[in-house]
Amino acid sequence: MAKVEDAIWTTEGSRKRSAVQGMFAEIAPTYDLLNSILSLSLHHRWRRFAVSTLKLQPGDQALDVCCGTGDFMKPLRTAVGPKGLVVGMDFCEPMLVRAQDKVHEALSLADACCLPVGSSQFEGVTVGWGIRNVPDFDLAHQELFRILKPGGHFVSLDMAVPVNPLVKRVSNFVTNMLIPKLGSLFGKTAAYTYLPKSTQKFWTREQLAASMERAGFTDIMYKDLLLGNVCVHYARKPGARQA
């Protein structure tokens, strides 16, 4: 297997897609455990907040793109109620297999940059820690805009670089030193070295907001979480919701 620094964060396009897909397939069995450790078990709370920005109503249809092991599905189901539709899509089959063990929603193998969905299908779309991993951020935002109904909402949770200099220094130490060591305890050093590297190369809050605006979104806002180590972006597709 190629070194992760050669295979992921220095790659672009289809090479990045393939490398990231392989990495997530490798870490799928331990993904939930390490995700809870690294987020201090706060990611469920963050997901609930993210879903609240979608302003979903009972009976709505919601899609979680880059759904991983399905942790967005429960708050989405709560929001749309028993008569609503919740769908999860991810490009890594082993992650979907893990999701099937946790949720009872529709799951599908799909790429965020080319979704097998007709235009204007969903009232709400979520992405959790996914945009950072796609090969084309602009294209992904365009696809998410396309599949939303007019008046629908989109929200994205992802890693971010803290603005505060002191917090940034501490964060760099934790992510560059401690996270890879934690990953090594599970035999996943390369994959958990990717986390800080990909975060450092990720677009800024303002760049992501600009990409969403280019895709057509309006009312774009973002909010820092965990002292700026995580950021949630949320926006709306112009138009009025149909009754």
C-alpha atoms as a PDB file:
ATOM      1  CA  MET A   1       0.000   0.000   0.000  1.00  0.00           C
ATOM      2  CA  ALA A   2       1.303   3.470  -0.890  1.00  0.00           C
ATOM      3  CA  LYS A   3       2.238   5.851   1.874  1.00  0.00           C
ATOM      4  CA  VAL A   4      -0.734   7.964   2.888  1.00  0.00           C
ATOM      5  CA  GLU A   5       1.161  11.196   2.131  1.00  0.00           C
ATOM      6  CA  ASP A   6       1.587   9.984  -1.443  1.00  0.00           C
ATOM      7  CA  ALA A   7      -1.900   8.555  -1.748  1.00  0.00           C
ATOM      8  CA  ILE A   8      -4.263  11.076  -0.209  1.00  0.00           C
ATOM      9  CA  TRP A   9      -3.530  14.669   0.704  1.00  0.00           C
ATOM     10  CA  THR A  10      -1.105  15.262  -2.181  1.00  0.00           C
ATOM     11  CA  THR A  11      -3.464  13.704  -4.735  1.00  0.00           C
ATOM     12  CA  GLU A  12      -6.226  15.313  -6.744  1.00  0.00           C
ATOM     13  CA  GLY A  13      -9.202  14.226  -8.796  1.00  0.00           C
ATOM     14  CA  SER A  14      -9.823  10.528  -9.310  1.00  0.00           C
ATOM     15  CA  ARG A  15      -6.610   9.566  -7.493  1.00  0.00           C
ATOM     16  CA  LYS A  16      -7.823  11.333  -4.363  1.00  0.00           C
ATOM     17  CA  ARG A  17     -11.238   9.698  -4.670  1.00  0.00           C
ATOM     18  CA  SER A  18      -9.695   6.228  -4.867  1.00  0.00           C
ATOM     19  CA  ALA A  19      -7.223   6.835  -2.031  1.00  0.00           C
ATOM     20  CA  VAL A  20      -9.833   8.241   0.362  1.00  0.00           C
ATOM     21  CA  GLN A  21     -12.241   5.443  -0.500  1.00  0.00           C
ATOM     22  CA  GLY A  22      -9.596   2.849   0.374  1.00  0.00           C
ATOM     23  CA  MET A  23      -8.709   4.629   3.609  1.00  0.00           C
ATOM     24  CA  PHE A  24     -12.306   4.665   4.843  1.00  0.00           C
ATOM     25  CA  ALA A  25     -12.741   1.025   3.910  1.00  0.00           C
ATOM     26  CA  GLU A  26      -9.733   0.243   6.112  1.00  0.00           C
ATOM     27  CA  ILE A  27     -10.924   2.174   9.166  1.00  0.00           C
ATOM     28  CA  ALA A  28     -14.628   1.253   8.938  1.00  0.00           C
ATOM     29  CA  PRO A  29     -14.510  -1.349  11.766  1.00  0.00           C
ATOM     30  CA  THR A  30     -13.057   1.131  14.292  1.00  0.00           C
ATOM     31  CA  TYR A  31     -14.535   4.339  12.894  1.00  0.00           C
ATOM     32  CA  ASP A  32     -17.324   4.795  15.451  1.00  0.00           C
ATOM     33  CA  LEU A  33     -15.106   4.174  18.462  1.00  0.00           C
ATOM     34  CA  LEU A  34     -12.350   6.533  17.383  1.00  0.00           C
ATOM     35  CA  ASN A  35     -14.852   9.155  16.244  1.00  0.00           C
ATOM     36  CA  SER A  36     -16.373   9.222  19.725  1.00  0.00           C
ATOM     37  CA  ILE A  37     -12.947   9.433  21.360  1.00  0.00           C
ATOM     38  CA  LEU A  38     -11.689  12.226  19.109  1.00  0.00           C
ATOM     39  CA  SER A  39     -14.884  14.282  19.448  1.00  0.00           C
ATOM     40  CA  LEU A  40     -15.176  13.652  23.186  1.00  0.00           C
ATOM     41  CA  SER A  41     -18.558  12.077  22.297  1.00  0.00           C
ATOM     42  CA  LEU A  42     -19.832  15.518  21.296  1.00  0.00           C
ATOM     43  CA  HIS A  43     -20.437  14.726  17.632  1.00  0.00           C
ATOM     44  CA  HIS A  44     -23.984  13.511  18.327  1.00  0.00           C
ATOM     45  CA  ARG A  45     -24.829  16.883  19.889  1.00  0.00           C
ATOM     46  CA  TRP A  46     -23.275  18.689  16.921  1.00  0.00           C
ATOM     47  CA  ARG A  47     -25.318  16.590  14.504  1.00  0.00           C
ATOM     48  CA  ARG A  48     -28.538  17.433  16.337  1.00  0.00           C
ATOM     49  CA  PHE A  49     -27.695  21.133  16.103  1.00  0.00           C
ATOM     50  CA  ALA A  50     -26.870  20.741  12.400  1.00  0.00           C
ATOM     51  CA  VAL A  51     -30.207  19.064  11.710  1.00  0.00           C
ATOM     52  CA  SER A  52     -32.030  21.857  13.541  1.00  0.00           C
ATOM     53  CA  THR A  53     -30.713  24.353  10.950  1.00  0.00           C
ATOM     54  CA  LEU A  54     -32.506  22.448   8.176  1.00  0.00           C
ATOM     55  CA  LYS A  55     -35.929  23.499   9.482  1.00  0.00           C
ATOM     56  CA  LEU A  56     -37.384  20.134   8.484  1.00  0.00           C
ATOM     57  CA  GLN A  57     -41.067  19.376   8.931  1.00  0.00           C
ATOM     58  CA  PRO A  58     -42.866  16.060   9.499  1.00  0.00           C
ATOM     59  CA  GLY A  59     -43.202  14.229   6.209  1.00  0.00           C
ATOM     60  CA  ASP A  60     -40.172  15.896   4.581  1.00  0.00           C
ATOM     61  CA  GLN A  61     -37.479  14.061   2.647  1.00  0.00           C
ATOM     62  CA  ALA A  62     -33.873  14.298   3.852  1.00  0.00           C
ATOM     63  CA  LEU A  63     -30.598  13.018   2.422  1.00  0.00           C
ATOM     64  CA  ASP A  64     -27.323  12.462   4.263  1.00  0.00           C
ATOM     65  CA  VAL A  65     -24.427  12.543   1.776  1.00  0.00           C
ATOM     66  CA  CYS A  66     -21.097  10.969   2.781  1.00  0.00           C
ATOM     67  CA  CYS A  67     -23.209   9.249   5.439  1.00  0.00           C
ATOM     68  CA  GLY A  68     -20.443   6.944   6.704  1.00  0.00           C
ATOM     69  CA  THR A  69     -21.793   4.712   9.455  1.00  0.00           C
ATOM     70  CA  GLY A  70     -25.122   6.550   9.601  1.00  0.00           C
ATOM     71  CA  ASP A  71     -24.910   8.814  12.654  1.00  0.00           C
ATOM     72  CA  PHE A  72     -26.907  11.612  11.001  1.00  0.00           C
ATOM     73  CA  MET A  73     -29.811   9.263  10.320  1.00  0.00           C
ATOM     74  CA  LYS A  74     -31.344   9.233  13.800  1.00  0.00           C
ATOM     75  CA  PRO A  75     -31.712  13.027  14.215  1.00  0.00           C
ATOM     76  CA  LEU A  76     -32.950  13.269  10.629  1.00  0.00           C
ATOM     77  CA  ARG A  77     -35.592  10.612  11.306  1.00  0.00           C
ATOM     78  CA  THR A  78     -36.661  12.458  14.447  1.00  0.00           C
ATOM     79  CA  ALA A  79     -37.043  15.657  12.414  1.00  0.00           C
ATOM     80  CA  VAL A  80     -39.100  14.220   9.529  1.00  0.00           C
ATOM     81  CA  GLY A  81     -41.151  11.794  11.615  1.00  0.00           C
ATOM     82  CA  PRO A  82     -42.424   8.336  10.679  1.00  0.00           C
ATOM     83  CA  LYS A  83     -44.009   9.556   7.426  1.00  0.00           C
ATOM     84  CA  GLY A  84     -40.874  11.277   6.170  1.00  0.00           C
ATOM     85  CA  LEU A  85     -38.058   9.804   4.078  1.00  0.00           C
ATOM     86  CA  VAL A  86     -34.430   9.547   5.178  1.00  0.00           C
ATOM     87  CA  VAL A  87     -31.764   8.349   2.757  1.00  0.00           C
ATOM     88  CA  GLY A  88     -28.029   7.878   3.310  1.00  0.00           C
ATOM     89  CA  MET A  89     -25.409   7.789   0.553  1.00  0.00           C
ATOM     90  CA  ASP A  90     -21.690   7.073   0.718  1.00  0.00           C
ATOM     91  CA  PHE A  91     -19.024   6.019  -1.777  1.00  0.00           C
ATOM     92  CA  CYS A  92     -17.417   3.494   0.595  1.00  0.00           C
ATOM     93  CA  GLU A  93     -19.293   0.201   0.818  1.00  0.00           C
ATOM     94  CA  PRO A  94     -17.687  -1.034   4.107  1.00  0.00           C
ATOM     95  CA  MET A  95     -18.945   2.137   5.806  1.00  0.00           C
ATOM     96  CA  LEU A  96     -22.454   1.470   4.514  1.00  0.00           C
ATOM     97  CA  VAL A  97     -22.242  -2.081   5.860  1.00  0.00           C
ATOM     98  CA  ARG A  98     -21.550  -0.630   9.307  1.00  0.00           C
ATOM     99  CA  ALA A  99     -24.470   1.782   8.876  1.00  0.00           C
ATOM    100  CA  GLN A 100     -26.822  -1.105   8.095  1.00  0.00           C
ATOM    101  CA  ASP A 101     -26.097  -2.530  11.534  1.00  0.00           C
ATOM    102  CA  LYS A 102     -27.204   0.726  13.201  1.00  0.00           C
ATOM    103  CA  VAL A 103     -30.077   2.227  11.201  1.00  0.00           C
ATOM    104  CA  HIS A 104     -33.131   1.074   9.298  1.00  0.00           C
ATOM    105  CA  GLU A 105     -33.135   3.705   6.588  1.00  0.00           C
ATOM    106  CA  ALA A 106     -32.516   3.557   2.833  1.00  0.00           C
ATOM    107  CA  LEU A 107     -28.788   3.389   2.063  1.00  0.00           C
ATOM    108  CA  SER A 108     -27.080   3.657  -1.296  1.00  0.00           C
ATOM    109  CA  LEU A 109     -23.568   3.585  -2.743  1.00  0.00           C
ATOM    110  CA  ALA A 110     -22.953   6.971  -4.368  1.00  0.00           C
ATOM    111  CA  ASP A 111     -20.361   9.680  -4.976  1.00  0.00           C
ATOM    112  CA  ALA A 112     -20.989  13.184  -3.608  1.00  0.00           C
ATOM    113  CA  CYS A 113     -19.814  14.735  -6.878  1.00  0.00           C
ATOM    114  CA  CYS A 114     -22.236  12.705  -9.015  1.00  0.00           C
ATOM    115  CA  LEU A 115     -25.335  11.765  -7.066  1.00  0.00           C
ATOM    116  CA  PRO A 116     -27.826   9.286  -8.603  1.00  0.00           C
ATOM    117  CA  VAL A 117     -30.726  11.542  -7.659  1.00  0.00           C
ATOM    118  CA  GLY A 118     -33.058  13.704  -9.734  1.00  0.00           C
ATOM    119  CA  SER A 119     -33.024  17.464  -9.271  1.00  0.00           C
ATOM    120  CA  SER A 120     -35.126  19.130  -6.567  1.00  0.00           C
ATOM    121  CA  GLN A 121     -35.871  15.977  -4.551  1.00  0.00           C
ATOM    122  CA  PHE A 122     -35.124  16.805  -0.893  1.00  0.00           C
ATOM    123  CA  GLU A 123     -36.101  19.442   1.660  1.00  0.00           C
ATOM    124  CA  GLY A 124     -32.877  18.929   3.602  1.00  0.00           C
ATOM    125  CA  VAL A 125     -29.353  17.657   2.919  1.00  0.00           C
ATOM    126  CA  THR A 126     -26.601  16.968   5.457  1.00  0.00           C
ATOM    127  CA  VAL A 127     -22.891  16.227   5.084  1.00  0.00           C
ATOM    128  CA  GLY A 128     -20.778  15.274   8.084  1.00  0.00           C
ATOM    129  CA  TRP A 129     -17.002  15.392   7.702  1.00  0.00           C
ATOM    130  CA  GLY A 130     -17.379  14.728   4.001  1.00  0.00           C
ATOM    131  CA  ILE A 131     -16.693  17.816   1.891  1.00  0.00           C
ATOM    132  CA  ARG A 132     -13.040  17.820   2.998  1.00  0.00           C
ATOM    133  CA  ASN A 133     -12.621  14.379   1.440  1.00  0.00           C
ATOM    134  CA  VAL A 134     -14.173  14.932  -1.992  1.00  0.00           C
ATOM    135  CA  PRO A 135     -11.942  15.650  -5.014  1.00  0.00           C
ATOM    136  CA  ASP A 136     -13.854  18.791  -6.072  1.00  0.00           C
ATOM    137  CA  PHE A 137     -15.471  20.979  -3.402  1.00  0.00           C
ATOM    138  CA  ASP A 138     -17.254  23.226  -5.910  1.00  0.00           C
ATOM    139  CA  LEU A 139     -18.724  20.295  -7.811  1.00  0.00           C
ATOM    140  CA  ALA A 140     -19.958  18.684  -4.599  1.00  0.00           C
ATOM    141  CA  HIS A 141     -21.713  21.902  -3.549  1.00  0.00           C
ATOM    142  CA  GLN A 142     -23.275  22.181  -7.015  1.00  0.00           C
ATOM    143  CA  GLU A 143     -24.637  18.637  -6.731  1.00  0.00           C
ATOM    144  CA  LEU A 144     -26.056  19.277  -3.275  1.00  0.00           C
ATOM    145  CA  PHE A 145     -27.710  22.455  -4.535  1.00  0.00           C
ATOM    146  CA  ARG A 146     -29.155  20.591  -7.526  1.00  0.00           C
ATOM    147  CA  ILE A 147     -30.904  17.876  -5.519  1.00  0.00           C
ATOM    148  CA  LEU A 148     -32.476  20.285  -3.019  1.00  0.00           C
ATOM    149  CA  LYS A 149     -35.984  21.540  -3.563  1.00  0.00           C
ATOM    150  CA  PRO A 150     -36.435  25.326  -3.760  1.00  0.00           C
ATOM    151  CA  GLY A 151     -36.514  26.622  -0.203  1.00  0.00           C
ATOM    152  CA  GLY A 152     -34.618  23.560   1.043  1.00  0.00           C
ATOM    153  CA  HIS A 153     -31.649  23.731   3.396  1.00  0.00           C
ATOM    154  CA  PHE A 154     -28.139  22.296   3.400  1.00  0.00           C
ATOM    155  CA  VAL A 155     -25.775  21.864   6.351  1.00  0.00           C
ATOM    156  CA  SER A 156     -22.172  20.658   6.514  1.00  0.00           C
ATOM    157  CA  LEU A 157     -20.107  19.707   9.556  1.00  0.00           C
ATOM    158  CA  ASP A 158     -16.347  19.428   9.146  1.00  0.00           C
ATOM    159  CA  MET A 159     -12.959  20.037  10.686  1.00  0.00           C
ATOM    160  CA  ALA A 160     -11.544  23.562  10.782  1.00  0.00           C
ATOM    161  CA  VAL A 161      -8.373  25.378  11.795  1.00  0.00           C
ATOM    162  CA  PRO A 162      -8.961  27.449  14.957  1.00  0.00           C
ATOM    163  CA  VAL A 163      -8.708  31.215  14.562  1.00  0.00           C
ATOM    164  CA  ASN A 164      -7.388  31.859  18.080  1.00  0.00           C
ATOM    165  CA  PRO A 165      -3.557  31.565  17.961  1.00  0.00           C
ATOM    166  CA  LEU A 166      -3.244  29.803  21.322  1.00  0.00           C
ATOM    167  CA  VAL A 167      -6.026  27.323  20.550  1.00  0.00           C
ATOM    168  CA  LYS A 168      -4.475  26.765  17.128  1.00  0.00           C
ATOM    169  CA  ARG A 169      -1.106  25.918  18.707  1.00  0.00           C
ATOM    170  CA  VAL A 170      -2.654  23.419  21.118  1.00  0.00           C
ATOM    171  CA  SER A 171      -4.786  21.971  18.360  1.00  0.00           C
ATOM    172  CA  ASN A 172      -1.769  21.473  16.097  1.00  0.00           C
ATOM    173  CA  PHE A 173      -0.006  19.532  18.851  1.00  0.00           C
ATOM    174  CA  VAL A 174      -3.013  17.310  19.507  1.00  0.00           C
ATOM    175  CA  THR A 175      -3.794  16.616  15.871  1.00  0.00           C
ATOM    176  CA  ASN A 176      -0.220  16.180  14.633  1.00  0.00           C
ATOM    177  CA  MET A 177       1.161  14.249  17.604  1.00  0.00           C
ATOM    178  CA  LEU A 178      -1.562  12.597  19.652  1.00  0.00           C
ATOM    179  CA  ILE A 179      -4.132  11.596  17.020  1.00  0.00           C
ATOM    180  CA  PRO A 180      -1.665   9.550  14.911  1.00  0.00           C
ATOM    181  CA  LYS A 181      -0.448   7.843  18.092  1.00  0.00           C
ATOM    182  CA  LEU A 182      -4.023   7.019  19.036  1.00  0.00           C
ATOM    183  CA  GLY A 183      -4.572   5.617  15.565  1.00  0.00           C
ATOM    184  CA  SER A 184      -1.460   3.497  15.919  1.00  0.00           C
ATOM    185  CA  LEU A 185      -3.019   1.708  18.900  1.00  0.00           C
ATOM    186  CA  PHE A 186      -5.579   0.354  16.436  1.00  0.00           C
ATOM    187  CA  GLY A 187      -3.052  -0.213  13.670  1.00  0.00           C
ATOM    188  CA  LYS A 188      -4.363   2.803  11.723  1.00  0.00           C
ATOM    189  CA  THR A 189      -1.466   5.271  11.944  1.00  0.00           C
ATOM    190  CA  ALA A 190      -1.590   6.276   8.280  1.00  0.00           C
ATOM    191  CA  ALA A 191      -5.326   6.923   8.247  1.00  0.00           C
ATOM    192  CA  TYR A 192      -5.222   9.037  11.396  1.00  0.00           C
ATOM    193  CA  THR A 193      -2.254  10.986  10.104  1.00  0.00           C
ATOM    194  CA  TYR A 194      -4.506  11.984   7.225  1.00  0.00           C
ATOM    195  CA  LEU A 195      -6.912  13.781   9.583  1.00  0.00           C
ATOM    196  CA  PRO A 196      -4.608  16.691  10.566  1.00  0.00           C
ATOM    197  CA  LYS A 197      -2.997  16.875   7.131  1.00  0.00           C
ATOM    198  CA  SER A 198      -6.331  17.112   5.330  1.00  0.00           C
ATOM    199  CA  THR A 199      -7.606  19.691   7.827  1.00  0.00           C
ATOM    200  CA  GLN A 200      -4.557  21.896   7.289  1.00  0.00           C
ATOM    201  CA  LYS A 201      -5.082  21.745   3.514  1.00  0.00           C
ATOM    202  CA  PHE A 202      -8.848  22.275   3.763  1.00  0.00           C
ATOM    203  CA  TRP A 203     -10.409  25.533   2.649  1.00  0.00           C
ATOM    204  CA  THR A 204     -11.073  28.291   5.159  1.00  0.00           C
ATOM    205  CA  ARG A 205     -14.538  29.056   6.471  1.00  0.00           C
ATOM    206  CA  GLU A 206     -14.778  31.979   4.059  1.00  0.00           C
ATOM    207  CA  GLN A 207     -13.621  29.917   1.075  1.00  0.00           C
ATOM    208  CA  LEU A 208     -16.215  27.234   1.781  1.00  0.00           C
ATOM    209  CA  ALA A 209     -18.938  29.862   2.115  1.00  0.00           C
ATOM    210  CA  ALA A 210     -17.828  31.374  -1.204  1.00  0.00           C
ATOM    211  CA  SER A 211     -17.999  27.944  -2.864  1.00  0.00           C
ATOM    212  CA  MET A 212     -21.546  27.482  -1.572  1.00  0.00           C
ATOM    213  CA  GLU A 213     -22.457  30.915  -2.908  1.00  0.00           C
ATOM    214  CA  ARG A 214     -21.028  30.036  -6.333  1.00  0.00           C
ATOM    215  CA  ALA A 215     -23.219  26.927  -6.326  1.00  0.00           C
ATOM    216  CA  GLY A 216     -26.278  29.138  -5.855  1.00  0.00           C
ATOM    217  CA  PHE A 217     -26.913  28.956  -2.095  1.00  0.00           C
ATOM    218  CA  THR A 218     -28.121  31.972  -0.140  1.00  0.00           C
ATOM    219  CA  ASP A 219     -28.431  32.838   3.562  1.00  0.00           C
ATOM    220  CA  ILE A 220     -25.025  31.215   4.133  1.00  0.00           C
ATOM    221  CA  MET A 221     -23.844  31.146   7.732  1.00  0.00           C
ATOM    222  CA  TYR A 222     -21.245  29.278   9.736  1.00  0.00           C
ATOM    223  CA  LYS A 223     -20.648  28.591  13.408  1.00  0.00           C
ATOM    224  CA  ASP A 224     -17.544  27.329  15.186  1.00  0.00           C
ATOM    225  CA  LEU A 225     -17.707  24.371  17.568  1.00  0.00           C
ATOM    226  CA  LEU A 226     -15.100  22.855  19.895  1.00  0.00           C
ATOM    227  CA  LEU A 227     -13.130  26.130  20.119  1.00  0.00           C
ATOM    228  CA  GLY A 228     -12.981  26.398  16.340  1.00  0.00           C
ATOM    229  CA  ASN A 229     -11.695  22.896  15.628  1.00  0.00           C
ATOM    230  CA  VAL A 230     -15.042  22.062  14.021  1.00  0.00           C
ATOM    231  CA  CYS A 231     -17.218  24.349  11.940  1.00  0.00           C
ATOM    232  CA  VAL A 232     -20.801  23.990  10.736  1.00  0.00           C
ATOM    233  CA  HIS A 233     -21.861  25.745   7.515  1.00  0.00           C
ATOM    234  CA  TYR A 234     -25.536  26.041   6.662  1.00  0.00           C
ATOM    235  CA  ALA A 235     -27.431  27.635   3.785  1.00  0.00           C
ATOM    236  CA  ARG A 236     -30.655  27.666   1.788  1.00  0.00           C
ATOM    237  CA  LYS A 237     -31.601  27.101  -1.834  1.00  0.00           C
ATOM    238  CA  PRO A 238     -33.544  30.150  -3.058  1.00  0.00           C
ATOM    239  CA  GLY A 239     -37.268  29.800  -3.597  1.00  0.00           C
ATOM    240  CA  ALA A 240     -40.356  29.113  -1.569  1.00  0.00           C
ATOM    241  CA  ARG A 241     -41.208  25.746  -0.104  1.00  0.00           C
ATOM    242  CA  GLN A 242     -44.162  24.059  -1.694  1.00  0.00           C
ATOM    243  CA  ALA A 243     -47.044  23.322   0.679  1.00  0.00           C
END
